[in-house]
C-alpha cells in the first residue's frame, strides 16, 4: 500500500474467517448466509481460504454490522 492512501480492501483469510466465526455465533450456516445476504458458495470460498480480500461493504455484511 502506498503511504498516505487508505485501503478499502481487507486482506488475510484468517481475519475473515475469525470475523465469520464471531458473527455467526450460534446460527447455523444457512441462517448466517441469509443474515449476511451473501451467497453460501462465496462464504465457503472464504472459509476454504480461496478468497483473502474483501471490500469494506462485504466485511460489514460478514460481521453483521449493517
C-alpha atoms as a PDB file:
ATOM      1  CA  UNK A   1       0.000   0.000   0.000  1.00  0.00           C
ATOM      2  CA  UNK A   2       1.250   3.480  -0.810  1.00  0.00           C
ATOM      3  CA  UNK A   3       1.815   5.647   2.238  1.00  0.00           C
ATOM      4  CA  UNK A   4      -0.949   8.198   2.664  1.00  0.00           C
ATOM      5  CA  UNK A   5      -3.565   6.134   0.858  1.00  0.00           C
ATOM      6  CA  UNK A   6      -6.319   4.260   2.576  1.00  0.00           C
ATOM      7  CA  UNK A   7      -7.013   0.706   1.509  1.00  0.00           C
ATOM      8  CA  UNK A   8     -10.653  -0.226   1.082  1.00  0.00           C
ATOM      9  CA  UNK A   9      -9.779  -3.922   0.960  1.00  0.00           C
ATOM     10  CA  UNK A  10      -9.173  -6.273   3.853  1.00  0.00           C
ATOM     11  CA  UNK A  11      -6.586  -8.977   3.196  1.00  0.00           C
ATOM     12  CA  UNK A  12      -5.842 -12.046   5.261  1.00  0.00           C
ATOM     13  CA  UNK A  13      -8.121 -15.018   5.204  1.00  0.00           C
ATOM     14  CA  UNK A  14      -7.519 -15.723   8.922  1.00  0.00           C
ATOM     15  CA  UNK A  15      -9.061 -12.387   9.878  1.00  0.00           C
ATOM     16  CA  UNK A  16     -12.011 -13.009   7.567  1.00  0.00           C
ATOM     17  CA  UNK A  17     -12.574 -16.484   8.976  1.00  0.00           C
ATOM     18  CA  UNK A  18     -12.460 -15.136  12.545  1.00  0.00           C
ATOM     19  CA  UNK A  19     -14.960 -12.434  11.575  1.00  0.00           C
ATOM     20  CA  UNK A  20     -17.324 -15.099  10.240  1.00  0.00           C
ATOM     21  CA  UNK A  21     -16.932 -17.244  13.372  1.00  0.00           C
ATOM     22  CA  UNK A  22     -17.661 -14.348  15.723  1.00  0.00           C
ATOM     23  CA  UNK A  23     -20.599 -13.033  13.723  1.00  0.00           C
ATOM     24  CA  UNK A  24     -22.269 -16.379  13.091  1.00  0.00           C
ATOM     25  CA  UNK A  25     -22.228 -17.283  16.786  1.00  0.00           C
ATOM     26  CA  UNK A  26     -24.970 -19.799  17.399  1.00  0.00           C
ATOM     27  CA  UNK A  27     -26.514 -19.618  13.935  1.00  0.00           C
ATOM     28  CA  UNK A  28     -26.339 -22.480  11.520  1.00  0.00           C
ATOM     29  CA  UNK A  29     -24.654 -21.812   8.203  1.00  0.00           C
ATOM     30  CA  UNK A  30     -27.903 -21.260   6.279  1.00  0.00           C
ATOM     31  CA  UNK A  31     -29.125 -18.690   8.809  1.00  0.00           C
ATOM     32  CA  UNK A  32     -25.809 -16.865   8.662  1.00  0.00           C
ATOM     33  CA  UNK A  33     -25.826 -16.755   4.845  1.00  0.00           C
ATOM     34  CA  UNK A  34     -29.363 -15.322   4.860  1.00  0.00           C
ATOM     35  CA  UNK A  35     -28.447 -12.766   7.548  1.00  0.00           C
ATOM     36  CA  UNK A  36     -25.431 -11.541   5.565  1.00  0.00           C
ATOM     37  CA  UNK A  37     -27.215 -11.523   2.224  1.00  0.00           C
ATOM     38  CA  UNK A  38     -24.164 -13.228   0.713  1.00  0.00           C
ATOM     39  CA  UNK A  39     -24.130 -16.495  -1.183  1.00  0.00           C
ATOM     40  CA  UNK A  40     -23.142 -19.682   0.591  1.00  0.00           C
ATOM     41  CA  UNK A  41     -20.572 -20.510  -2.088  1.00  0.00           C
ATOM     42  CA  UNK A  42     -18.910 -17.119  -1.553  1.00  0.00           C
ATOM     43  CA  UNK A  43     -18.747 -17.673   2.220  1.00  0.00           C
ATOM     44  CA  UNK A  44     -17.423 -21.226   1.713  1.00  0.00           C
ATOM     45  CA  UNK A  45     -14.700 -19.808  -0.544  1.00  0.00           C
ATOM     46  CA  UNK A  46     -13.597 -17.515   2.283  1.00  0.00           C
ATOM     47  CA  UNK A  47     -13.629 -20.372   4.787  1.00  0.00           C
ATOM     48  CA  UNK A  48     -11.532 -22.518   2.430  1.00  0.00           C
ATOM     49  CA  UNK A  49      -9.014 -19.690   2.087  1.00  0.00           C
ATOM     50  CA  UNK A  50      -9.732 -19.165  -1.604  1.00  0.00           C
ATOM     51  CA  UNK A  51     -10.795 -15.553  -1.012  1.00  0.00           C
ATOM     52  CA  UNK A  52      -8.405 -13.461   1.063  1.00  0.00           C
ATOM     53  CA  UNK A  53      -9.577  -9.965   0.219  1.00  0.00           C
ATOM     54  CA  UNK A  54     -12.976  -8.277   0.503  1.00  0.00           C
ATOM     55  CA  UNK A  55     -14.134  -4.688   0.343  1.00  0.00           C
ATOM     56  CA  UNK A  56     -15.426  -2.796   3.366  1.00  0.00           C
ATOM     57  CA  UNK A  57     -19.091  -3.328   2.420  1.00  0.00           C
ATOM     58  CA  UNK A  58     -18.630  -7.106   2.288  1.00  0.00           C
ATOM     59  CA  UNK A  59     -16.722  -7.039   5.584  1.00  0.00           C
ATOM     60  CA  UNK A  60     -19.656  -5.220   7.205  1.00  0.00           C
ATOM     61  CA  UNK A  61     -22.007  -7.885   5.876  1.00  0.00           C
ATOM     62  CA  UNK A  62     -19.781 -10.701   7.121  1.00  0.00           C
ATOM     63  CA  UNK A  63     -19.578  -9.135  10.573  1.00  0.00           C
ATOM     64  CA  UNK A  64     -23.352  -8.448  10.581  1.00  0.00           C
ATOM     65  CA  UNK A  65     -22.837  -4.758  11.358  1.00  0.00           C
ATOM     66  CA  UNK A  66     -25.135  -3.254   8.767  1.00  0.00           C
END
